[in-house]
Amino acid sequence: MTSAPDTVQQAPSSSTNRAAPPSTSTSSAAVPAPAQAPTKPTSRYIETSAKNIIAREAIISGSHFIVLGGKCLIHGGAILRADLRR
């Protein structure tokens, strides 16, 4: 028993033939690179929300145990350790 393949015929379209939109190539040579937003220059210091100023070079261990009182300035090379519990 062999079955004939089903063939589907499309009805003729009543609309007019329209030209296909022009194809756009997306090769990297034709498309210029997107302009990058200028980055903010990094400072040597970080200013916290409480207006404390901390150097990026400072070494801070156990920061969740450190409480700064008032306005503090921590210079580069400073080492703050709060991980030496007994």
PDB file of N, CA and C in Angstrom:
ATOM      1  N   MET A   1       0.822  -1.167   0.000  1.00  0.00           N
ATOM      2  CA  MET A   1       0.000   0.000   0.000  1.00  0.00           C
ATOM      3  C   MET A   1       0.875   1.242   0.000  1.00  0.00           C
ATOM      4  N   THR A   2       0.809   1.975  -1.024  1.00  0.00           N
ATOM      5  CA  THR A   2       1.580   3.205  -1.104  1.00  0.00           C
ATOM      6  C   THR A   2       0.629   4.381  -1.091  1.00  0.00           C
ATOM      7  N   SER A   3       1.065   5.421  -0.430  1.00  0.00           N
ATOM      8  CA  SER A   3       0.222   6.610  -0.390  1.00  0.00           C
ATOM      9  C   SER A   3       0.895   7.703  -1.189  1.00  0.00           C
ATOM     10  N   ALA A   4       0.117   8.430  -1.871  1.00  0.00           N
ATOM     11  CA  ALA A   4       0.645   9.529  -2.672  1.00  0.00           C
ATOM     12  C   ALA A   4       0.927  10.705  -1.754  1.00  0.00           C
ATOM     13  N   PRO A   5       2.008  11.434  -1.980  1.00  0.00           N
ATOM     14  CA  PRO A   5       2.291  12.587  -1.126  1.00  0.00           C
ATOM     15  C   PRO A   5       1.218  13.650  -1.300  1.00  0.00           C
ATOM     16  N   ASP A   6       0.868  14.261  -0.198  1.00  0.00           N
ATOM     17  CA  ASP A   6      -0.132  15.321  -0.242  1.00  0.00           C
ATOM     18  C   ASP A   6       0.494  16.565  -0.857  1.00  0.00           C
ATOM     19  N   THR A   7      -0.163  17.111  -1.808  1.00  0.00           N
ATOM     20  CA  THR A   7       0.316  18.349  -2.411  1.00  0.00           C
ATOM     21  C   THR A   7      -0.678  19.442  -2.103  1.00  0.00           C
ATOM     22  N   VAL A   8      -0.162  20.566  -1.707  1.00  0.00           N
ATOM     23  CA  VAL A   8      -1.003  21.701  -1.377  1.00  0.00           C
ATOM     24  C   VAL A   8      -0.778  22.758  -2.431  1.00  0.00           C
ATOM     25  N   GLN A   9      -1.843  23.192  -3.027  1.00  0.00           N
ATOM     26  CA  GLN A   9      -1.732  24.241  -4.031  1.00  0.00           C
ATOM     27  C   GLN A   9      -2.267  25.522  -3.429  1.00  0.00           C
ATOM     28  N   GLN A  10      -1.530  26.584  -3.655  1.00  0.00           N
ATOM     29  CA  GLN A  10      -1.959  27.872  -3.135  1.00  0.00           C
ATOM     30  C   GLN A  10      -2.812  28.574  -4.172  1.00  0.00           C
ATOM     31  N   ALA A  11      -3.821  29.245  -3.676  1.00  0.00           N
ATOM     32  CA  ALA A  11      -4.680  30.010  -4.567  1.00  0.00           C
ATOM     33  C   ALA A  11      -3.905  31.218  -5.055  1.00  0.00           C
ATOM     34  N   PRO A  12      -4.147  31.650  -6.259  1.00  0.00           N
ATOM     35  CA  PRO A  12      -3.429  32.827  -6.752  1.00  0.00           C
ATOM     36  C   PRO A  12      -3.754  34.039  -5.894  1.00  0.00           C
ATOM     37  N   SER A  13      -2.741  34.799  -5.602  1.00  0.00           N
ATOM     38  CA  SER A  13      -2.891  35.964  -4.745  1.00  0.00           C
ATOM     39  C   SER A  13      -3.521  37.095  -5.526  1.00  0.00           C
ATOM     40  N   SER A  14      -4.454  37.780  -4.875  1.00  0.00           N
ATOM     41  CA  SER A  14      -5.111  38.888  -5.551  1.00  0.00           C
ATOM     42  C   SER A  14      -4.338  40.193  -5.375  1.00  0.00           C
ATOM     43  N   SER A  15      -3.367  40.211  -4.478  1.00  0.00           N
ATOM     44  CA  SER A  15      -2.601  41.436  -4.271  1.00  0.00           C
ATOM     45  C   SER A  15      -1.535  41.565  -5.346  1.00  0.00           C
ATOM     46  N   THR A  16      -1.094  42.762  -5.542  1.00  0.00           N
ATOM     47  CA  THR A  16      -0.071  43.006  -6.557  1.00  0.00           C
ATOM     48  C   THR A  16       1.282  42.581  -6.022  1.00  0.00           C
ATOM     49  N   ASN A  17       2.165  42.281  -6.918  1.00  0.00           N
ATOM     50  CA  ASN A  17       3.512  41.900  -6.508  1.00  0.00           C
ATOM     51  C   ASN A  17       4.232  43.127  -5.983  1.00  0.00           C
ATOM     52  N   ARG A  18       4.744  42.998  -4.813  1.00  0.00           N
ATOM     53  CA  ARG A  18       5.500  44.096  -4.210  1.00  0.00           C
ATOM     54  C   ARG A  18       6.967  43.714  -4.188  1.00  0.00           C
ATOM     55  N   ALA A  19       7.789  44.687  -4.368  1.00  0.00           N
ATOM     56  CA  ALA A  19       9.227  44.436  -4.339  1.00  0.00           C
ATOM     57  C   ALA A  19       9.654  44.173  -2.906  1.00  0.00           C
ATOM     58  N   ALA A  20      10.554  43.258  -2.741  1.00  0.00           N
ATOM     59  CA  ALA A  20      11.065  42.938  -1.410  1.00  0.00           C
ATOM     60  C   ALA A  20      11.882  44.116  -0.903  1.00  0.00           C
ATOM     61  N   PRO A  21      11.850  44.358   0.404  1.00  0.00           N
ATOM     62  CA  PRO A  21      12.657  45.460   0.933  1.00  0.00           C
ATOM     63  C   PRO A  21      14.133  45.181   0.704  1.00  0.00           C
ATOM     64  N   PRO A  22      14.906  46.216   0.514  1.00  0.00           N
ATOM     65  CA  PRO A  22      16.338  46.000   0.272  1.00  0.00           C
ATOM     66  C   PRO A  22      16.976  45.335   1.482  1.00  0.00           C
ATOM     67  N   SER A  23      17.806  44.369   1.198  1.00  0.00           N
ATOM     68  CA  SER A  23      18.456  43.664   2.299  1.00  0.00           C
ATOM     69  C   SER A  23      19.573  44.530   2.860  1.00  0.00           C
ATOM     70  N   THR A  24      19.709  44.460   4.158  1.00  0.00           N
ATOM     71  CA  THR A  24      20.775  45.221   4.823  1.00  0.00           C
ATOM     72  C   THR A  24      21.825  44.241   5.289  1.00  0.00           C
ATOM     73  N   SER A  25      23.041  44.515   4.967  1.00  0.00           N
ATOM     74  CA  SER A  25      24.106  43.633   5.421  1.00  0.00           C
ATOM     75  C   SER A  25      24.556  44.080   6.802  1.00  0.00           C
ATOM     76  N   THR A  26      24.858  43.114   7.615  1.00  0.00           N
ATOM     77  CA  THR A  26      25.286  43.423   8.982  1.00  0.00           C
ATOM     78  C   THR A  26      26.743  43.050   9.184  1.00  0.00           C
ATOM     79  N   SER A  27      27.527  43.188   8.153  1.00  0.00           N
ATOM     80  CA  SER A  27      28.938  42.863   8.317  1.00  0.00           C
ATOM     81  C   SER A  27      29.604  43.915   9.197  1.00  0.00           C
ATOM     82  N   SER A  28      30.594  43.486   9.936  1.00  0.00           N
ATOM     83  CA  SER A  28      31.239  44.393  10.882  1.00  0.00           C
ATOM     84  C   SER A  28      32.028  45.495  10.179  1.00  0.00           C
ATOM     85  N   ALA A  29      32.411  45.274   8.937  1.00  0.00           N
ATOM     86  CA  ALA A  29      33.185  46.293   8.234  1.00  0.00           C
ATOM     87  C   ALA A  29      32.296  47.460   7.803  1.00  0.00           C
ATOM     88  N   ALA A  30      31.029  47.175   7.502  1.00  0.00           N
ATOM     89  CA  ALA A  30      30.143  48.220   7.008  1.00  0.00           C
ATOM     90  C   ALA A  30      29.493  49.008   8.140  1.00  0.00           C
ATOM     91  N   VAL A  31      29.360  48.400   9.311  1.00  0.00           N
ATOM     92  CA  VAL A  31      28.673  49.046  10.426  1.00  0.00           C
ATOM     93  C   VAL A  31      29.709  49.661  11.357  1.00  0.00           C
ATOM     94  N   PRO A  32      29.640  50.968  11.596  1.00  0.00           N
ATOM     95  CA  PRO A  32      30.609  51.570  12.523  1.00  0.00           C
ATOM     96  C   PRO A  32      30.321  51.139  13.957  1.00  0.00           C
ATOM     97  N   ALA A  33      31.341  51.114  14.761  1.00  0.00           N
ATOM     98  CA  ALA A  33      31.197  50.730  16.166  1.00  0.00           C
ATOM     99  C   ALA A  33      30.388  51.795  16.897  1.00  0.00           C
ATOM    100  N   PRO A  34      29.523  51.379  17.833  1.00  0.00           N
ATOM    101  CA  PRO A  34      28.746  52.381  18.576  1.00  0.00           C
ATOM    102  C   PRO A  34      29.664  53.238  19.441  1.00  0.00           C
ATOM    103  N   ALA A  35      29.299  54.485  19.573  1.00  0.00           N
ATOM    104  CA  ALA A  35      30.101  55.407  20.380  1.00  0.00           C
ATOM    105  C   ALA A  35      29.972  55.028  21.849  1.00  0.00           C
ATOM    106  N   GLN A  36      31.087  54.939  22.529  1.00  0.00           N
ATOM    107  CA  GLN A  36      31.069  54.590  23.940  1.00  0.00           C
ATOM    108  C   GLN A  36      30.908  55.847  24.764  1.00  0.00           C
ATOM    109  N   ALA A  37      30.133  55.719  25.827  1.00  0.00           N
ATOM    110  CA  ALA A  37      29.924  56.850  26.721  1.00  0.00           C
ATOM    111  C   ALA A  37      31.221  57.134  27.465  1.00  0.00           C
ATOM    112  N   PRO A  38      31.552  58.379  27.659  1.00  0.00           N
ATOM    113  CA  PRO A  38      32.778  58.683  28.396  1.00  0.00           C
ATOM    114  C   PRO A  38      32.657  58.195  29.833  1.00  0.00           C
ATOM    115  N   THR A  39      33.708  57.584  30.319  1.00  0.00           N
ATOM    116  CA  THR A  39      33.684  57.061  31.677  1.00  0.00           C
ATOM    117  C   THR A  39      34.161  58.121  32.651  1.00  0.00           C
ATOM    118  N   LYS A  40      33.652  58.043  33.850  1.00  0.00           N
ATOM    119  CA  LYS A  40      34.053  58.976  34.895  1.00  0.00           C
ATOM    120  C   LYS A  40      35.444  58.578  35.376  1.00  0.00           C
ATOM    121  N   PRO A  41      36.368  59.505  35.443  1.00  0.00           N
ATOM    122  CA  PRO A  41      37.705  59.142  35.905  1.00  0.00           C
ATOM    123  C   PRO A  41      37.655  58.674  37.360  1.00  0.00           C
ATOM    124  N   THR A  42      38.382  57.608  37.639  1.00  0.00           N
ATOM    125  CA  THR A  42      38.378  57.085  39.000  1.00  0.00           C
ATOM    126  C   THR A  42      39.272  57.942  39.879  1.00  0.00           C
ATOM    127  N   SER A  43      38.813  58.171  41.062  1.00  0.00           N
ATOM    128  CA  SER A  43      39.548  58.971  42.025  1.00  0.00           C
ATOM    129  C   SER A  43      40.375  58.043  42.902  1.00  0.00           C
ATOM    130  N   ARG A  44      41.350  58.589  43.575  1.00  0.00           N
ATOM    131  CA  ARG A  44      42.148  57.800  44.516  1.00  0.00           C
ATOM    132  C   ARG A  44      41.391  57.572  45.807  1.00  0.00           C
ATOM    133  N   TYR A  45      40.296  58.318  46.013  1.00  0.00           N
ATOM    134  CA  TYR A  45      39.522  58.227  47.249  1.00  0.00           C
ATOM    135  C   TYR A  45      38.062  57.909  46.944  1.00  0.00           C
ATOM    136  N   ILE A  46      37.411  57.249  47.882  1.00  0.00           N
ATOM    137  CA  ILE A  46      35.987  56.948  47.810  1.00  0.00           C
ATOM    138  C   ILE A  46      35.299  57.772  48.878  1.00  0.00           C
ATOM    139  N   GLU A  47      34.229  58.456  48.507  1.00  0.00           N
ATOM    140  CA  GLU A  47      33.460  59.219  49.488  1.00  0.00           C
ATOM    141  C   GLU A  47      32.185  58.439  49.787  1.00  0.00           C
ATOM    142  N   THR A  48      31.967  58.103  51.054  1.00  0.00           N
ATOM    143  CA  THR A  48      30.794  57.333  51.451  1.00  0.00           C
ATOM    144  C   THR A  48      29.581  58.237  51.578  1.00  0.00           C
ATOM    145  N   SER A  49      28.423  57.628  51.816  1.00  0.00           N
ATOM    146  CA  SER A  49      27.197  58.414  51.969  1.00  0.00           C
ATOM    147  C   SER A  49      27.233  59.269  53.227  1.00  0.00           C
ATOM    148  N   ALA A  50      28.032  58.875  54.226  1.00  0.00           N
ATOM    149  CA  ALA A  50      28.174  59.654  55.460  1.00  0.00           C
ATOM    150  C   ALA A  50      29.296  60.687  55.344  1.00  0.00           C
ATOM    151  N   LYS A  51      29.794  60.901  54.128  1.00  0.00           N
ATOM    152  CA  LYS A  51      30.846  61.881  53.820  1.00  0.00           C
ATOM    153  C   LYS A  51      32.204  61.512  54.418  1.00  0.00           C
ATOM    154  N   ASN A  52      32.435  60.226  54.697  1.00  0.00           N
ATOM    155  CA  ASN A  52      33.768  59.766  55.071  1.00  0.00           C
ATOM    156  C   ASN A  52      34.562  59.589  53.785  1.00  0.00           C
ATOM    157  N   ILE A  53      35.868  59.823  53.854  1.00  0.00           N
ATOM    158  CA  ILE A  53      36.724  59.713  52.680  1.00  0.00           C
ATOM    159  C   ILE A  53      37.733  58.603  52.945  1.00  0.00           C
ATOM    160  N   ILE A  54      37.726  57.598  52.057  1.00  0.00           N
ATOM    161  CA  ILE A  54      38.570  56.418  52.240  1.00  0.00           C
ATOM    162  C   ILE A  54      39.406  56.229  50.984  1.00  0.00           C
ATOM    163  N   ALA A  55      40.716  56.055  51.168  1.00  0.00           N
ATOM    164  CA  ALA A  55      41.613  55.829  50.035  1.00  0.00           C
ATOM    165  C   ALA A  55      41.389  54.431  49.477  1.00  0.00           C
ATOM    166  N   ARG A  56      41.485  54.312  48.164  1.00  0.00           N
ATOM    167  CA  ARG A  56      41.332  52.999  47.534  1.00  0.00           C
ATOM    168  C   ARG A  56      42.489  52.072  47.900  1.00  0.00           C
ATOM    169  N   GLU A  57      43.648  52.633  48.241  1.00  0.00           N
ATOM    170  CA  GLU A  57      44.814  51.827  48.592  1.00  0.00           C
ATOM    171  C   GLU A  57      44.771  51.330  50.031  1.00  0.00           C
ATOM    172  N   ALA A  58      43.835  51.831  50.842  1.00  0.00           N
ATOM    173  CA  ALA A  58      43.748  51.415  52.246  1.00  0.00           C
ATOM    174  C   ALA A  58      43.304  49.958  52.318  1.00  0.00           C
ATOM    175  N   ILE A  59      43.827  49.245  53.302  1.00  0.00           N
ATOM    176  CA  ILE A  59      43.479  47.844  53.513  1.00  0.00           C
ATOM    177  C   ILE A  59      42.531  47.776  54.702  1.00  0.00           C
ATOM    178  N   ILE A  60      41.321  47.289  54.460  1.00  0.00           N
ATOM    179  CA  ILE A  60      40.306  47.220  55.511  1.00  0.00           C
ATOM    180  C   ILE A  60      39.840  45.778  55.624  1.00  0.00           C
ATOM    181  N   SER A  61      39.988  45.194  56.811  1.00  0.00           N
ATOM    182  CA  SER A  61      39.548  43.826  57.067  1.00  0.00           C
ATOM    183  C   SER A  61      38.460  43.844  58.124  1.00  0.00           C
ATOM    184  N   GLY A  62      37.409  43.077  57.906  1.00  0.00           N
ATOM    185  CA  GLY A  62      36.308  43.035  58.859  1.00  0.00           C
ATOM    186  C   GLY A  62      35.518  44.320  58.872  1.00  0.00           C
ATOM    187  N   SER A  63      35.201  44.846  57.709  1.00  0.00           N
ATOM    188  CA  SER A  63      34.570  46.163  57.617  1.00  0.00           C
ATOM    189  C   SER A  63      33.208  46.230  58.289  1.00  0.00           C
ATOM    190  N   HIS A  64      32.521  45.109  58.454  1.00  0.00           N
ATOM    191  CA  HIS A  64      31.210  45.155  59.102  1.00  0.00           C
ATOM    192  C   HIS A  64      31.325  45.357  60.609  1.00  0.00           C
ATOM    193  N   PHE A  65      32.520  45.236  61.181  1.00  0.00           N
ATOM    194  CA  PHE A  65      32.721  45.506  62.608  1.00  0.00           C
ATOM    195  C   PHE A  65      33.277  46.909  62.856  1.00  0.00           C
ATOM    196  N   ILE A  66      33.607  47.654  61.808  1.00  0.00           N
ATOM    197  CA  ILE A  66      34.207  48.981  61.954  1.00  0.00           C
ATOM    198  C   ILE A  66      33.116  50.040  61.903  1.00  0.00           C
ATOM    199  N   VAL A  67      33.110  50.931  62.895  1.00  0.00           N
ATOM    200  CA  VAL A  67      32.168  52.045  62.931  1.00  0.00           C
ATOM    201  C   VAL A  67      32.993  53.322  62.975  1.00  0.00           C
ATOM    202  N   LEU A  68      32.813  54.174  61.983  1.00  0.00           N
ATOM    203  CA  LEU A  68      33.539  55.438  61.942  1.00  0.00           C
ATOM    204  C   LEU A  68      32.684  56.501  62.615  1.00  0.00           C
ATOM    205  N   GLY A  69      33.291  57.272  63.495  1.00  0.00           N
ATOM    206  CA  GLY A  69      32.558  58.327  64.191  1.00  0.00           C
ATOM    207  C   GLY A  69      32.893  59.682  63.603  1.00  0.00           C
ATOM    208  N   GLY A  70      31.883  60.435  63.218  1.00  0.00           N
ATOM    209  CA  GLY A  70      32.123  61.756  62.628  1.00  0.00           C
ATOM    210  C   GLY A  70      32.659  61.621  61.223  1.00  0.00           C
ATOM    211  N   LYS A  71      33.322  62.666  60.753  1.00  0.00           N
ATOM    212  CA  LYS A  71      33.939  62.608  59.432  1.00  0.00           C
ATOM    213  C   LYS A  71      35.346  62.063  59.576  1.00  0.00           C
ATOM    214  N   CYS A  72      35.654  61.033  58.792  1.00  0.00           N
ATOM    215  CA  CYS A  72      36.971  60.401  58.869  1.00  0.00           C
ATOM    216  C   CYS A  72      37.634  60.428  57.502  1.00  0.00           C
ATOM    217  N   LEU A  73      38.948  60.525  57.535  1.00  0.00           N
ATOM    218  CA  LEU A  73      39.760  60.466  56.332  1.00  0.00           C
ATOM    219  C   LEU A  73      40.769  59.355  56.542  1.00  0.00           C
ATOM    220  N   ILE A  74      40.713  58.329  55.696  1.00  0.00           N
ATOM    221  CA  ILE A  74      41.630  57.195  55.801  1.00  0.00           C
ATOM    222  C   ILE A  74      42.552  57.256  54.594  1.00  0.00           C
ATOM    223  N   HIS A  75      43.840  57.474  54.848  1.00  0.00           N
ATOM    224  CA  HIS A  75      44.834  57.640  53.790  1.00  0.00           C
ATOM    225  C   HIS A  75      45.239  56.293  53.207  1.00  0.00           C
ATOM    226  N   GLY A  76      45.867  56.358  52.027  1.00  0.00           N
ATOM    227  CA  GLY A  76      46.413  55.165  51.407  1.00  0.00           C
ATOM    228  C   GLY A  76      47.542  54.612  52.259  1.00  0.00           C
ATOM    229  N   GLY A  77      47.664  53.314  52.313  1.00  0.00           N
ATOM    230  CA  GLY A  77      48.680  52.680  53.145  1.00  0.00           C
ATOM    231  C   GLY A  77      48.185  52.378  54.548  1.00  0.00           C
ATOM    232  N   ALA A  78      47.030  52.911  54.938  1.00  0.00           N
ATOM    233  CA  ALA A  78      46.477  52.631  56.263  1.00  0.00           C
ATOM    234  C   ALA A  78      45.907  51.213  56.278  1.00  0.00           C
ATOM    235  N   ILE A  79      46.017  50.551  57.421  1.00  0.00           N
ATOM    236  CA  ILE A  79      45.475  49.206  57.589  1.00  0.00           C
ATOM    237  C   ILE A  79      44.513  49.236  58.767  1.00  0.00           C
ATOM    238  N   LEU A  80      43.243  48.970  58.503  1.00  0.00           N
ATOM    239  CA  LEU A  80      42.226  48.883  59.555  1.00  0.00           C
ATOM    240  C   LEU A  80      41.807  47.432  59.661  1.00  0.00           C
ATOM    241  N   ARG A  81      41.967  46.854  60.862  1.00  0.00           N
ATOM    242  CA  ARG A  81      41.609  45.452  61.050  1.00  0.00           C
ATOM    243  C   ARG A  81      40.614  45.326  62.178  1.00  0.00           C
ATOM    244  N   ALA A  82      39.508  44.692  61.883  1.00  0.00           N
ATOM    245  CA  ALA A  82      38.508  44.415  62.908  1.00  0.00           C
ATOM    246  C   ALA A  82      38.228  42.920  62.961  1.00  0.00           C
ATOM    247  N   ASP A  83      39.153  42.131  62.454  1.00  0.00           N
ATOM    248  CA  ASP A  83      38.956  40.683  62.430  1.00  0.00           C
ATOM    249  C   ASP A  83      39.804  39.963  63.478  1.00  0.00           C
ATOM    250  N   LEU A  84      40.361  40.709  64.429  1.00  0.00           N
ATOM    251  CA  LEU A  84      41.235  40.101  65.434  1.00  0.00           C
ATOM    252  C   LEU A  84      40.485  39.898  66.749  1.00  0.00           C
ATOM    253  N   ARG A  85      39.344  39.259  66.718  1.00  0.00           N
ATOM    254  CA  ARG A  85      38.570  38.997  67.932  1.00  0.00           C
ATOM    255  C   ARG A  85      39.234  37.904  68.748  1.00  0.00           C
ATOM    256  N   ARG A  86      39.022  37.971  70.066  1.00  0.00           N
ATOM    257  CA  ARG A  86      39.519  36.892  70.929  1.00  0.00           C
ATOM    258  C   ARG A  86      38.452  35.872  71.150  1.00  0.00           C
TER     259      ARG A  86
END
